[in-house]
Every structure is written in C-alpha cells, then in structure tokens.
N, C-alpha and C. Protein backbone atom coordinates (compact mmCIF):
# COMPACT_ATOMS: atom_id res chain seq x y z
N ASN A 1 0.81 -1.21 0.00
CA ASN A 1 0.00 0.00 0.00
C ASN A 1 0.85 1.26 0.00
N LEU A 2 2.10 1.15 0.43
CA LEU A 2 2.95 2.34 0.54
C LEU A 2 3.79 2.58 -0.71
N GLY A 3 3.66 1.74 -1.73
CA GLY A 3 4.40 1.95 -2.97
C GLY A 3 5.87 1.58 -2.87
N VAL A 4 6.24 0.74 -1.95
CA VAL A 4 7.62 0.31 -1.80
C VAL A 4 7.87 -0.84 -2.77
N SER A 5 8.90 -0.70 -3.62
CA SER A 5 9.12 -1.72 -4.64
C SER A 5 10.22 -2.71 -4.26
N GLN A 6 11.27 -2.28 -3.56
CA GLN A 6 12.34 -3.19 -3.17
C GLN A 6 12.45 -3.22 -1.66
N VAL A 7 12.44 -4.45 -1.11
CA VAL A 7 12.45 -4.63 0.34
C VAL A 7 13.54 -5.62 0.71
N ASP A 8 14.31 -5.29 1.73
CA ASP A 8 15.25 -6.24 2.33
C ASP A 8 14.50 -6.96 3.44
N VAL A 9 14.57 -8.30 3.43
CA VAL A 9 13.82 -9.10 4.40
C VAL A 9 14.79 -9.87 5.29
N THR A 10 14.57 -9.78 6.60
CA THR A 10 15.34 -10.54 7.58
C THR A 10 14.35 -11.30 8.44
N ILE A 11 14.54 -12.61 8.52
CA ILE A 11 13.67 -13.44 9.36
C ILE A 11 14.48 -13.88 10.56
N TYR A 12 13.92 -13.66 11.75
CA TYR A 12 14.60 -14.02 12.98
C TYR A 12 13.58 -14.64 13.93
N ASN A 13 13.77 -15.91 14.26
CA ASN A 13 12.85 -16.63 15.15
C ASN A 13 11.41 -16.44 14.68
N ASP A 14 10.57 -15.82 15.49
CA ASP A 14 9.16 -15.63 15.15
C ASP A 14 8.87 -14.22 14.67
N GLU A 15 9.87 -13.56 14.09
CA GLU A 15 9.71 -12.19 13.64
C GLU A 15 10.26 -12.05 12.22
N VAL A 16 9.74 -11.08 11.52
CA VAL A 16 10.29 -10.75 10.21
C VAL A 16 10.45 -9.23 10.15
N TYR A 17 11.60 -8.80 9.63
CA TYR A 17 11.89 -7.37 9.48
C TYR A 17 11.93 -7.06 7.99
N LEU A 18 11.14 -6.09 7.59
CA LEU A 18 11.11 -5.66 6.20
C LEU A 18 11.58 -4.21 6.16
N ARG A 19 12.64 -3.94 5.41
CA ARG A 19 13.17 -2.59 5.33
C ARG A 19 13.24 -2.18 3.86
N GLU A 20 12.75 -0.99 3.60
CA GLU A 20 12.79 -0.44 2.25
C GLU A 20 14.25 -0.35 1.80
N ALA A 21 14.59 -0.97 0.66
CA ALA A 21 15.98 -1.05 0.21
C ALA A 21 16.57 0.32 -0.08
N GLN A 22 15.84 1.20 -0.69
CA GLN A 22 16.34 2.53 -1.06
C GLN A 22 15.59 3.62 -0.32
N GLY A 23 15.25 3.40 0.93
CA GLY A 23 14.47 4.40 1.67
C GLY A 23 14.58 4.20 3.16
N ASN A 24 13.61 4.73 3.85
CA ASN A 24 13.68 4.78 5.30
C ASN A 24 12.52 4.10 6.02
N GLN A 25 11.71 3.34 5.31
CA GLN A 25 10.57 2.70 5.94
C GLN A 25 10.95 1.30 6.42
N ILE A 26 10.47 0.95 7.61
CA ILE A 26 10.76 -0.35 8.18
C ILE A 26 9.51 -0.92 8.83
N LEU A 27 9.33 -2.22 8.69
CA LEU A 27 8.18 -2.91 9.27
C LEU A 27 8.69 -4.14 10.01
N GLU A 28 8.30 -4.28 11.27
CA GLU A 28 8.64 -5.45 12.07
C GLU A 28 7.34 -6.19 12.38
N VAL A 29 7.24 -7.45 11.96
CA VAL A 29 6.02 -8.24 12.16
C VAL A 29 6.35 -9.41 13.07
N TYR A 30 5.49 -9.64 14.05
CA TYR A 30 5.67 -10.72 15.02
C TYR A 30 4.61 -11.78 14.72
N TYR A 31 5.07 -12.97 14.31
CA TYR A 31 4.18 -14.03 13.87
C TYR A 31 3.22 -14.52 14.95
N GLN A 32 3.67 -14.56 16.19
CA GLN A 32 2.88 -15.22 17.24
C GLN A 32 1.46 -14.68 17.32
N ASP A 33 1.30 -13.36 17.37
CA ASP A 33 -0.04 -12.81 17.44
C ASP A 33 -0.34 -11.80 16.33
N GLY A 34 0.61 -11.56 15.45
CA GLY A 34 0.38 -10.70 14.30
C GLY A 34 0.58 -9.22 14.57
N HIS A 35 1.04 -8.83 15.75
CA HIS A 35 1.23 -7.40 15.98
C HIS A 35 2.47 -6.93 15.21
N TYR A 36 2.51 -5.64 14.92
CA TYR A 36 3.63 -5.13 14.14
C TYR A 36 3.92 -3.67 14.47
N SER A 37 5.13 -3.25 14.08
CA SER A 37 5.55 -1.86 14.21
C SER A 37 6.02 -1.38 12.85
N TYR A 38 5.58 -0.19 12.50
CA TYR A 38 5.98 0.46 11.24
C TYR A 38 6.59 1.80 11.57
N ALA A 39 7.64 2.17 10.87
CA ALA A 39 8.23 3.50 11.08
C ALA A 39 8.80 4.02 9.78
N ASN A 40 8.65 5.32 9.59
CA ASN A 40 9.32 6.04 8.53
C ASN A 40 10.48 6.75 9.22
N LEU A 41 11.68 6.19 9.12
CA LEU A 41 12.81 6.66 9.91
C LEU A 41 13.47 7.92 9.38
N GLY A 42 13.16 8.33 8.17
CA GLY A 42 13.91 9.43 7.58
C GLY A 42 13.23 10.77 7.53
N MET A 43 11.93 10.81 7.40
CA MET A 43 11.27 12.07 7.07
C MET A 43 10.59 12.74 8.25
N CYS A 44 10.34 12.05 9.32
CA CYS A 44 9.52 12.60 10.40
C CYS A 44 10.39 13.16 11.52
N ARG A 45 10.11 14.41 11.85
CA ARG A 45 10.85 15.05 12.93
C ARG A 45 9.96 15.93 13.80
N ASP A 46 8.94 16.51 13.22
CA ASP A 46 8.11 17.46 13.95
C ASP A 46 6.74 16.86 14.24
N PHE A 47 6.70 15.96 15.22
CA PHE A 47 5.44 15.31 15.58
C PHE A 47 4.49 16.32 16.18
N VAL A 48 3.21 16.19 15.86
CA VAL A 48 2.20 17.10 16.39
C VAL A 48 1.04 16.31 16.97
N GLN A 49 0.31 16.96 17.84
CA GLN A 49 -0.91 16.37 18.38
C GLN A 49 -2.05 16.67 17.42
N THR A 50 -2.89 15.69 17.19
CA THR A 50 -4.02 15.87 16.29
C THR A 50 -5.23 15.15 16.87
N ASP A 51 -6.34 15.24 16.17
CA ASP A 51 -7.59 14.66 16.69
C ASP A 51 -7.77 13.22 16.22
N ALA A 52 -8.67 12.53 16.91
CA ALA A 52 -8.91 11.11 16.66
C ALA A 52 -9.41 10.85 15.24
N GLN A 53 -10.29 11.69 14.73
CA GLN A 53 -10.86 11.43 13.41
C GLN A 53 -9.81 11.56 12.31
N THR A 54 -8.92 12.52 12.43
CA THR A 54 -7.83 12.66 11.46
C THR A 54 -6.98 11.39 11.44
N LEU A 55 -6.69 10.86 12.61
CA LEU A 55 -5.89 9.64 12.69
C LEU A 55 -6.65 8.42 12.18
N ARG A 56 -7.95 8.34 12.50
CA ARG A 56 -8.75 7.22 11.98
C ARG A 56 -8.71 7.20 10.46
N ASN A 57 -8.87 8.36 9.84
CA ASN A 57 -8.84 8.45 8.38
C ASN A 57 -7.47 8.08 7.83
N ALA A 58 -6.42 8.57 8.49
CA ALA A 58 -5.06 8.26 8.03
C ALA A 58 -4.75 6.77 8.18
N LEU A 59 -5.22 6.16 9.25
CA LEU A 59 -4.97 4.73 9.46
C LEU A 59 -5.69 3.85 8.44
N LEU A 60 -6.81 4.33 7.90
CA LEU A 60 -7.51 3.57 6.86
C LEU A 60 -6.62 3.35 5.64
N GLU A 61 -5.74 4.31 5.35
CA GLU A 61 -4.80 4.17 4.23
C GLU A 61 -3.82 3.02 4.45
N TYR A 62 -3.63 2.63 5.70
CA TYR A 62 -2.74 1.53 6.06
C TYR A 62 -3.53 0.25 6.31
N GLY A 63 -4.82 0.28 6.03
CA GLY A 63 -5.65 -0.90 6.21
C GLY A 63 -6.07 -1.15 7.65
N ILE A 64 -5.98 -0.14 8.50
CA ILE A 64 -6.33 -0.29 9.91
C ILE A 64 -7.62 0.47 10.18
N GLU A 65 -8.66 -0.26 10.57
CA GLU A 65 -9.94 0.36 10.90
C GLU A 65 -10.12 0.33 12.41
N ILE A 66 -10.28 1.49 12.99
CA ILE A 66 -10.43 1.62 14.44
C ILE A 66 -11.93 1.65 14.76
N PRO A 67 -12.40 0.74 15.61
CA PRO A 67 -13.83 0.73 15.97
C PRO A 67 -14.23 2.00 16.74
N ASP A 68 -15.49 2.37 16.62
CA ASP A 68 -16.00 3.55 17.32
C ASP A 68 -15.86 3.42 18.83
N SER A 69 -15.83 2.20 19.34
CA SER A 69 -15.75 1.98 20.79
C SER A 69 -14.35 2.21 21.35
N ALA A 70 -13.36 2.44 20.49
CA ALA A 70 -11.98 2.63 20.95
C ALA A 70 -11.87 3.90 21.79
N VAL A 71 -11.04 3.83 22.82
CA VAL A 71 -10.76 4.99 23.68
C VAL A 71 -9.50 5.66 23.13
N PHE A 72 -9.59 6.95 22.88
CA PHE A 72 -8.48 7.72 22.29
C PHE A 72 -7.79 8.52 23.39
N SER A 73 -6.45 8.53 23.34
CA SER A 73 -5.69 9.35 24.29
C SER A 73 -4.39 9.81 23.65
N CYS A 74 -3.83 10.86 24.24
CA CYS A 74 -2.53 11.37 23.82
C CYS A 74 -1.89 12.02 25.04
N SER A 75 -1.24 11.21 25.86
CA SER A 75 -0.75 11.69 27.14
C SER A 75 0.52 12.53 27.04
N ASP A 76 1.36 12.29 26.04
CA ASP A 76 2.62 13.03 25.94
C ASP A 76 2.61 14.10 24.86
N GLY A 77 1.47 14.28 24.17
CA GLY A 77 1.39 15.28 23.11
C GLY A 77 1.99 14.82 21.80
N ILE A 78 2.55 13.63 21.76
CA ILE A 78 3.20 13.11 20.55
C ILE A 78 2.62 11.76 20.13
N THR A 79 2.49 10.84 21.07
CA THR A 79 2.02 9.49 20.77
C THR A 79 0.52 9.40 21.01
N HIS A 80 -0.22 9.16 19.95
CA HIS A 80 -1.68 9.02 20.02
C HIS A 80 -2.01 7.55 20.14
N CYS A 81 -2.93 7.22 21.02
CA CYS A 81 -3.22 5.81 21.28
C CYS A 81 -4.72 5.54 21.22
N PHE A 82 -5.08 4.50 20.51
CA PHE A 82 -6.44 3.98 20.50
C PHE A 82 -6.41 2.66 21.28
N ARG A 83 -7.27 2.53 22.30
CA ARG A 83 -7.37 1.30 23.09
C ARG A 83 -8.71 0.66 22.82
N VAL A 84 -8.68 -0.59 22.38
CA VAL A 84 -9.90 -1.34 22.10
C VAL A 84 -9.96 -2.51 23.08
N GLU A 85 -11.05 -2.61 23.81
CA GLU A 85 -11.19 -3.69 24.79
C GLU A 85 -12.33 -4.61 24.41
N GLN A 86 -11.96 -5.78 23.96
CA GLN A 86 -12.89 -6.86 23.64
C GLN A 86 -14.10 -6.39 22.84
N HIS A 87 -13.83 -5.79 21.71
CA HIS A 87 -14.86 -5.28 20.81
C HIS A 87 -15.29 -6.41 19.86
N PRO A 88 -16.59 -6.80 19.88
CA PRO A 88 -17.04 -7.85 18.96
C PRO A 88 -17.02 -7.37 17.51
N ALA A 89 -16.49 -8.22 16.63
CA ALA A 89 -16.43 -7.91 15.21
C ALA A 89 -16.74 -9.19 14.44
N GLY A 90 -18.01 -9.40 14.14
CA GLY A 90 -18.42 -10.64 13.48
C GLY A 90 -18.24 -11.81 14.44
N ASP A 91 -17.50 -12.84 14.01
CA ASP A 91 -17.25 -13.99 14.89
C ASP A 91 -15.93 -13.85 15.64
N SER A 92 -15.36 -12.64 15.63
CA SER A 92 -14.09 -12.39 16.31
C SER A 92 -14.26 -11.33 17.39
N LEU A 93 -13.18 -11.15 18.12
CA LEU A 93 -13.12 -10.17 19.18
C LEU A 93 -11.85 -9.37 18.97
N LEU A 94 -11.96 -8.02 18.90
CA LEU A 94 -10.79 -7.17 18.77
C LEU A 94 -10.36 -6.71 20.15
N ASP A 95 -9.04 -6.73 20.38
CA ASP A 95 -8.52 -6.30 21.66
C ASP A 95 -7.09 -5.80 21.47
N GLY A 96 -6.75 -4.71 22.13
CA GLY A 96 -5.38 -4.23 22.07
C GLY A 96 -5.30 -2.74 21.82
N THR A 97 -4.13 -2.29 21.37
CA THR A 97 -3.89 -0.87 21.15
C THR A 97 -3.25 -0.62 19.80
N VAL A 98 -3.47 0.60 19.32
CA VAL A 98 -2.77 1.11 18.15
C VAL A 98 -2.20 2.46 18.58
N ALA A 99 -0.87 2.57 18.57
CA ALA A 99 -0.20 3.82 18.93
C ALA A 99 0.39 4.43 17.66
N VAL A 100 0.18 5.74 17.49
CA VAL A 100 0.56 6.42 16.25
C VAL A 100 1.30 7.71 16.56
N ARG A 101 2.33 8.01 15.76
CA ARG A 101 2.96 9.33 15.79
C ARG A 101 2.68 9.97 14.44
N TYR A 102 2.38 11.27 14.48
CA TYR A 102 1.84 11.95 13.31
C TYR A 102 2.58 13.27 13.09
N GLU A 103 2.84 13.59 11.82
CA GLU A 103 3.42 14.88 11.44
C GLU A 103 2.48 15.54 10.44
N GLU A 104 2.23 16.80 10.62
CA GLU A 104 1.24 17.53 9.82
C GLU A 104 1.48 17.40 8.32
N SER A 105 2.71 17.62 7.86
CA SER A 105 2.99 17.64 6.42
C SER A 105 3.11 16.25 5.80
N ILE A 106 3.43 15.25 6.59
CA ILE A 106 3.67 13.91 6.06
C ILE A 106 2.51 12.97 6.36
N GLY A 107 1.95 13.11 7.55
CA GLY A 107 0.91 12.19 8.01
C GLY A 107 1.49 11.25 9.04
N ILE A 108 1.15 9.99 8.94
CA ILE A 108 1.60 9.01 9.93
C ILE A 108 3.08 8.71 9.74
N CYS A 109 3.83 8.79 10.85
CA CYS A 109 5.26 8.50 10.83
C CYS A 109 5.58 7.16 11.46
N SER A 110 4.78 6.73 12.42
CA SER A 110 5.02 5.42 13.01
C SER A 110 3.70 4.85 13.52
N ILE A 111 3.64 3.52 13.50
CA ILE A 111 2.47 2.79 14.00
C ILE A 111 2.98 1.60 14.81
N ASP A 112 2.49 1.47 16.03
CA ASP A 112 2.68 0.25 16.80
C ASP A 112 1.31 -0.38 16.92
N ASN A 113 1.08 -1.43 16.15
CA ASN A 113 -0.25 -2.03 16.08
C ASN A 113 -0.28 -3.34 16.85
N SER A 114 -0.83 -3.28 18.06
CA SER A 114 -1.01 -4.47 18.88
C SER A 114 -2.48 -4.84 18.98
N LEU A 115 -3.25 -4.37 18.02
CA LEU A 115 -4.68 -4.69 17.96
C LEU A 115 -4.81 -6.06 17.31
N VAL A 116 -5.27 -7.02 18.09
CA VAL A 116 -5.38 -8.38 17.57
C VAL A 116 -6.83 -8.79 17.45
N SER A 117 -7.08 -9.63 16.48
CA SER A 117 -8.40 -10.19 16.27
C SER A 117 -8.38 -11.63 16.74
N VAL A 118 -9.20 -11.95 17.70
CA VAL A 118 -9.24 -13.27 18.29
C VAL A 118 -10.52 -13.96 17.85
N THR A 119 -10.38 -15.15 17.26
CA THR A 119 -11.53 -15.93 16.83
C THR A 119 -11.82 -17.00 17.89
N TYR A 120 -13.09 -17.20 18.19
CA TYR A 120 -13.48 -18.18 19.20
C TYR A 120 -12.96 -19.56 18.82
N TYR A 121 -12.33 -20.21 19.78
CA TYR A 121 -11.78 -21.54 19.56
C TYR A 121 -12.48 -22.58 20.43
N GLY A 122 -12.67 -22.25 21.69
CA GLY A 122 -13.28 -23.20 22.60
C GLY A 122 -13.45 -22.60 23.97
N SER A 123 -14.14 -23.31 24.84
CA SER A 123 -14.41 -22.83 26.19
C SER A 123 -13.53 -23.56 27.19
N GLU A 124 -13.12 -22.84 28.21
CA GLU A 124 -12.36 -23.42 29.31
C GLU A 124 -13.02 -22.99 30.61
N THR A 125 -12.92 -23.84 31.59
CA THR A 125 -13.47 -23.52 32.90
C THR A 125 -12.53 -22.56 33.61
N VAL A 126 -13.08 -21.54 34.21
CA VAL A 126 -12.31 -20.56 34.97
C VAL A 126 -12.59 -20.81 36.44
N ILE A 127 -11.52 -20.79 37.24
CA ILE A 127 -11.72 -21.06 38.67
C ILE A 127 -12.45 -19.89 39.32
N PRO A 128 -13.25 -20.15 40.35
CA PRO A 128 -13.94 -19.07 41.06
C PRO A 128 -12.95 -18.18 41.81
N GLU A 129 -13.38 -16.95 42.13
CA GLU A 129 -12.52 -16.00 42.82
C GLU A 129 -11.99 -16.56 44.13
N LYS A 130 -12.82 -17.26 44.89
CA LYS A 130 -12.38 -17.81 46.18
C LYS A 130 -11.24 -18.81 45.99
N GLU A 131 -11.32 -19.61 44.92
CA GLU A 131 -10.25 -20.57 44.64
C GLU A 131 -8.98 -19.83 44.23
N ALA A 132 -9.13 -18.75 43.47
CA ALA A 132 -7.97 -17.94 43.08
C ALA A 132 -7.29 -17.36 44.31
N VAL A 133 -8.07 -16.84 45.24
CA VAL A 133 -7.51 -16.29 46.48
C VAL A 133 -6.81 -17.39 47.27
N ARG A 134 -7.42 -18.56 47.35
CA ARG A 134 -6.81 -19.67 48.07
C ARG A 134 -5.44 -20.02 47.47
N ARG A 135 -5.36 -20.06 46.14
CA ARG A 135 -4.10 -20.39 45.47
C ARG A 135 -3.04 -19.31 45.72
N VAL A 136 -3.47 -18.04 45.68
CA VAL A 136 -2.52 -16.95 45.93
C VAL A 136 -1.98 -17.05 47.35
N THR A 137 -2.87 -17.25 48.32
CA THR A 137 -2.43 -17.33 49.72
C THR A 137 -1.58 -18.59 49.96
N ALA A 138 -1.72 -19.60 49.13
CA ALA A 138 -0.89 -20.79 49.24
C ALA A 138 0.45 -20.61 48.52
N GLY A 139 0.63 -19.47 47.86
CA GLY A 139 1.91 -19.19 47.19
C GLY A 139 1.94 -19.53 45.72
N ASN A 140 0.82 -19.90 45.13
CA ASN A 140 0.77 -20.21 43.69
C ASN A 140 0.46 -18.93 42.92
N LEU A 141 1.50 -18.26 42.44
CA LEU A 141 1.33 -16.96 41.78
C LEU A 141 1.97 -16.98 40.40
N ALA A 142 1.30 -16.35 39.45
CA ALA A 142 1.94 -16.11 38.16
C ALA A 142 3.01 -15.05 38.41
N ASN A 143 4.16 -15.18 37.79
CA ASN A 143 5.27 -14.26 38.01
C ASN A 143 5.64 -14.20 39.49
N GLY A 144 5.65 -15.33 40.16
CA GLY A 144 5.91 -15.39 41.59
C GLY A 144 7.35 -15.12 41.99
N GLU A 145 8.25 -14.92 41.00
CA GLU A 145 9.65 -14.66 41.33
C GLU A 145 9.81 -13.43 42.20
N TRP A 146 9.01 -12.39 41.95
CA TRP A 146 9.10 -11.16 42.75
C TRP A 146 8.80 -11.46 44.21
N PHE A 147 7.77 -12.26 44.45
CA PHE A 147 7.39 -12.60 45.82
C PHE A 147 8.48 -13.45 46.48
N GLU A 148 9.09 -14.35 45.71
CA GLU A 148 10.16 -15.17 46.27
C GLU A 148 11.38 -14.33 46.66
N ARG A 149 11.71 -13.32 45.85
CA ARG A 149 12.86 -12.46 46.14
C ARG A 149 12.58 -11.53 47.32
N ASN A 150 11.38 -10.93 47.36
CA ASN A 150 11.09 -9.88 48.35
C ASN A 150 10.41 -10.39 49.61
N ARG A 151 9.79 -11.53 49.53
CA ARG A 151 9.11 -12.17 50.67
C ARG A 151 8.29 -11.17 51.50
N PRO A 152 7.25 -10.59 50.92
CA PRO A 152 6.43 -9.65 51.71
C PRO A 152 5.72 -10.39 52.84
N GLU A 153 5.57 -9.68 53.95
CA GLU A 153 4.90 -10.29 55.10
C GLU A 153 3.39 -10.23 54.99
N GLN A 154 2.91 -9.31 54.16
CA GLN A 154 1.46 -9.14 54.05
C GLN A 154 1.11 -8.84 52.60
N LEU A 155 -0.03 -9.34 52.18
CA LEU A 155 -0.52 -9.10 50.82
C LEU A 155 -2.01 -8.81 50.92
N GLU A 156 -2.42 -7.72 50.35
CA GLU A 156 -3.84 -7.35 50.35
C GLU A 156 -4.37 -7.46 48.92
N ILE A 157 -5.38 -8.28 48.71
CA ILE A 157 -5.99 -8.44 47.40
C ILE A 157 -7.18 -7.48 47.33
N ARG A 158 -7.11 -6.52 46.42
CA ARG A 158 -8.15 -5.49 46.32
C ARG A 158 -9.13 -5.75 45.19
N SER A 159 -8.72 -6.52 44.21
CA SER A 159 -9.62 -6.81 43.11
C SER A 159 -9.17 -8.09 42.41
N CYS A 160 -10.06 -8.60 41.60
CA CYS A 160 -9.79 -9.82 40.85
C CYS A 160 -10.46 -9.64 39.48
N GLU A 161 -9.73 -9.89 38.41
CA GLU A 161 -10.32 -9.77 37.08
C GLU A 161 -9.74 -10.82 36.14
N LEU A 162 -10.50 -11.14 35.14
CA LEU A 162 -10.07 -12.09 34.12
C LEU A 162 -9.41 -11.31 32.99
N SER A 163 -8.21 -11.72 32.61
CA SER A 163 -7.54 -11.05 31.50
C SER A 163 -7.03 -12.12 30.54
N TYR A 164 -6.83 -11.71 29.30
CA TYR A 164 -6.36 -12.62 28.27
C TYR A 164 -4.89 -12.33 27.99
N GLN A 165 -4.10 -13.40 27.87
CA GLN A 165 -2.70 -13.28 27.51
C GLN A 165 -2.42 -14.29 26.41
N VAL A 166 -1.51 -13.94 25.51
CA VAL A 166 -1.17 -14.86 24.44
C VAL A 166 -0.23 -15.93 24.99
N ASP A 167 -0.46 -17.18 24.58
CA ASP A 167 0.44 -18.25 25.01
C ASP A 167 1.48 -18.51 23.91
N THR A 168 2.28 -19.53 24.07
CA THR A 168 3.37 -19.78 23.12
C THR A 168 2.89 -20.24 21.76
N LYS A 169 1.63 -20.63 21.64
CA LYS A 169 1.09 -21.08 20.36
C LYS A 169 0.22 -20.03 19.68
N GLY A 170 0.12 -18.85 20.29
CA GLY A 170 -0.67 -17.77 19.70
C GLY A 170 -2.12 -17.76 20.14
N PHE A 171 -2.49 -18.59 21.11
CA PHE A 171 -3.86 -18.60 21.62
C PHE A 171 -3.96 -17.65 22.81
N TYR A 172 -5.15 -17.09 23.01
CA TYR A 172 -5.38 -16.21 24.16
C TYR A 172 -6.25 -16.93 25.15
C-alpha cells in the first residue's frame, strides 16, 4: 500500500523485518499474534498532536480500521493511542492498542499495532474468585519470582479480574 518496490527481508525466530531497500521505511512483524511496528525513519521530525478522526482516516490508508468503541488518548502530546477492549467484530473479538505518531505535512510517521483479532476456539473452565484467592495465599502466583525475592509479610488483594494473555502457540 505504501508503494515500496524493493524490500530487504530478515527473518529471525518468530519475527520478520522488512526494510525499504532505497528508503527509510521499516516494518517489524511478530508471527505469534500478528502485531507489528511500522516506522518512517527518515522524514519525520516534527510530531504534532491531532484529533482522533484525522488519525482514523489516516490509518484507513494503512488498512487499519479503528472501531468507534476505541478509547483515544494522547498523554505526551506526541504518541496518540487507541485502546480497544474486547470489541465484537463478526465472529471475532478485537482487543489491544494502536499507537501512532503523526506529522502535519507527512501524516503518519510510526504505528505500533497491537490490535489483535481473536476468533473463538473453545471454552475453558475458569476457577472461582475464592479458589484464586486460596491459590494466591498458598503461594501459587503467576510471576511469583518477585514474591520469592522480596518475601512480603502481608498481601492485600483489592480486586480480581479475568484477562487474556497470548500463550506460546498464539492462543489467548
């Protein structure tokens, strides 16, 4: 879509890097969940803050459609972010973020697209909150290395929520 005719390709583990042979555009694609980063490394220097609709229109040129339910933010005045949380799209579910840097005269300079489309595969039983608390108090924690190193004497559980994470096979 960007009119790039010659590309240097490097494949590394579960990633592929595509770099414009005679230019400054680069694309990094991660096979596991399909997220990618795009950057125009040569032409963009004066990033500006802009509105959500301008960015939605510009992203359409890159084949990225942002659902109306996305939450838009720009906390640093440079990086614009659309956050989509479990938005139904046909038989799939969209979830993730699209972060964009924009320059007035050029348009989009970089895209970090972690917006993934998840298709229903199957159902799994989720343990009840009380069982989750029991496991935590018994020392069964995800990322428990921090607790092993610091050995806190007290832990207060203030909330419990279900979240999706990608596994080694690309399933959530």
